[in-house]
Amino acid sequence: MYTKDTNNKIPIYQLKSKEKVLDYYVNWTKEEQFNKDMIEWNYQAPQNTVKLFDLHTPNKNINLIKK
């Protein structure tokens, strides 16, 4: 079984202010650490979302991005 190494991460629910949450995410994106973690953790949510939309959306030409 694969386990994610999250020991070096602060559980987001422990942060007490929106400023601390913002700082956390800003720091997490430095040197592409967020992207590296998503790859290392084999994060699948975006791919799974696309598969579900493809499976359940009859109109394949629909635009989901608001302009």
C-alpha atoms as a PDB file:
ATOM      1  CA  MET A   1       0.000   0.000   0.000  1.00  0.00           C
ATOM      2  CA  TYR A   2       1.272   3.459  -0.953  1.00  0.00           C
ATOM      3  CA  THR A   3       1.427   6.056   1.820  1.00  0.00           C
ATOM      4  CA  LYS A   4       1.994   9.745   1.316  1.00  0.00           C
ATOM      5  CA  ASP A   5       4.914  11.383   3.056  1.00  0.00           C
ATOM      6  CA  THR A   6       3.159  14.340   4.618  1.00  0.00           C
ATOM      7  CA  ASN A   7       5.337  14.600   7.716  1.00  0.00           C
ATOM      8  CA  ASN A   8       6.927  17.810   6.478  1.00  0.00           C
ATOM      9  CA  LYS A   9       3.541  19.442   5.821  1.00  0.00           C
ATOM     10  CA  ILE A  10       1.440  21.397   8.293  1.00  0.00           C
ATOM     11  CA  PRO A  11      -2.149  20.175   8.429  1.00  0.00           C
ATOM     12  CA  ILE A  12      -4.021  23.096   6.941  1.00  0.00           C
ATOM     13  CA  TYR A  13      -6.780  22.907   9.552  1.00  0.00           C
ATOM     14  CA  GLN A  14      -4.289  23.931  12.247  1.00  0.00           C
ATOM     15  CA  LEU A  15      -3.714  27.336  10.671  1.00  0.00           C
ATOM     16  CA  LYS A  16      -5.737  29.971  12.498  1.00  0.00           C
ATOM     17  CA  SER A  17      -5.962  32.852  10.041  1.00  0.00           C
ATOM     18  CA  LYS A  18      -6.468  33.399   6.342  1.00  0.00           C
ATOM     19  CA  GLU A  19      -3.078  35.134   6.230  1.00  0.00           C
ATOM     20  CA  LYS A  20      -1.355  32.008   7.579  1.00  0.00           C
ATOM     21  CA  VAL A  21      -3.206  29.843   5.066  1.00  0.00           C
ATOM     22  CA  LEU A  22      -2.169  32.162   2.237  1.00  0.00           C
ATOM     23  CA  ASP A  23       1.446  32.172   3.449  1.00  0.00           C
ATOM     24  CA  TYR A  24       1.378  28.387   3.629  1.00  0.00           C
ATOM     25  CA  TYR A  25       0.243  28.046   0.017  1.00  0.00           C
ATOM     26  CA  VAL A  26       2.598  30.761  -1.247  1.00  0.00           C
ATOM     27  CA  ASN A  27       5.528  28.978   0.385  1.00  0.00           C
ATOM     28  CA  TRP A  28       4.341  25.597  -0.889  1.00  0.00           C
ATOM     29  CA  THR A  29       4.543  26.840  -4.472  1.00  0.00           C
ATOM     30  CA  LYS A  30       8.130  28.061  -4.179  1.00  0.00           C
ATOM     31  CA  GLU A  31      10.563  26.073  -6.318  1.00  0.00           C
ATOM     32  CA  GLU A  32       7.548  24.158  -7.671  1.00  0.00           C
ATOM     33  CA  GLN A  33       7.249  22.175  -4.425  1.00  0.00           C
ATOM     34  CA  PHE A  34       3.462  21.879  -4.779  1.00  0.00           C
ATOM     35  CA  ASN A  35       3.842  20.296  -8.225  1.00  0.00           C
ATOM     36  CA  LYS A  36       6.603  17.991  -6.988  1.00  0.00           C
ATOM     37  CA  ASP A  37       4.448  16.854  -4.066  1.00  0.00           C
ATOM     38  CA  MET A  38       1.446  16.184  -6.307  1.00  0.00           C
ATOM     39  CA  ILE A  39       3.611  14.007  -8.556  1.00  0.00           C
ATOM     40  CA  GLU A  40       5.263  12.232  -5.625  1.00  0.00           C
ATOM     41  CA  TRP A  41       1.874  11.573  -3.997  1.00  0.00           C
ATOM     42  CA  ASN A  42       0.413  10.373  -7.307  1.00  0.00           C
ATOM     43  CA  TYR A  43      -2.422  12.899  -6.974  1.00  0.00           C
ATOM     44  CA  GLN A  44      -5.233  11.748  -9.270  1.00  0.00           C
ATOM     45  CA  ALA A  45      -8.159  14.124  -8.633  1.00  0.00           C
ATOM     46  CA  PRO A  46      -7.821  16.185 -11.846  1.00  0.00           C
ATOM     47  CA  GLN A  47      -7.570  13.091 -14.047  1.00  0.00           C
ATOM     48  CA  ASN A  48     -10.462  11.426 -12.227  1.00  0.00           C
ATOM     49  CA  THR A  49     -12.607  14.537 -12.646  1.00  0.00           C
ATOM     50  CA  VAL A  50     -11.972  14.604 -16.389  1.00  0.00           C
ATOM     51  CA  LYS A  51     -12.860  10.904 -16.652  1.00  0.00           C
ATOM     52  CA  LEU A  52     -16.131  11.455 -14.773  1.00  0.00           C
ATOM     53  CA  PHE A  53     -17.108  14.430 -16.928  1.00  0.00           C
ATOM     54  CA  ASP A  54     -16.286  12.472 -20.053  1.00  0.00           C
ATOM     55  CA  LEU A  55     -18.350   9.533 -18.857  1.00  0.00           C
ATOM     56  CA  HIS A  56     -21.407  11.524 -17.771  1.00  0.00           C
ATOM     57  CA  THR A  57     -21.520  14.495 -20.144  1.00  0.00           C
ATOM     58  CA  PRO A  58     -23.475  13.761 -23.307  1.00  0.00           C
ATOM     59  CA  ASN A  59     -22.488  17.060 -24.958  1.00  0.00           C
ATOM     60  CA  LYS A  60     -18.724  16.799 -25.482  1.00  0.00           C
ATOM     61  CA  ASN A  61     -18.575  20.360 -26.884  1.00  0.00           C
ATOM     62  CA  ILE A  62     -19.618  22.031 -23.644  1.00  0.00           C
ATOM     63  CA  ASN A  63     -17.333  24.782 -22.330  1.00  0.00           C
ATOM     64  CA  LEU A  64     -16.833  24.566 -18.552  1.00  0.00           C
ATOM     65  CA  ILE A  65     -14.700  27.691 -18.280  1.00  0.00           C
ATOM     66  CA  LYS A  66     -16.589  30.938 -17.731  1.00  0.00           C
ATOM     67  CA  LYS A  67     -15.354  33.696 -19.999  1.00  0.00           C
END
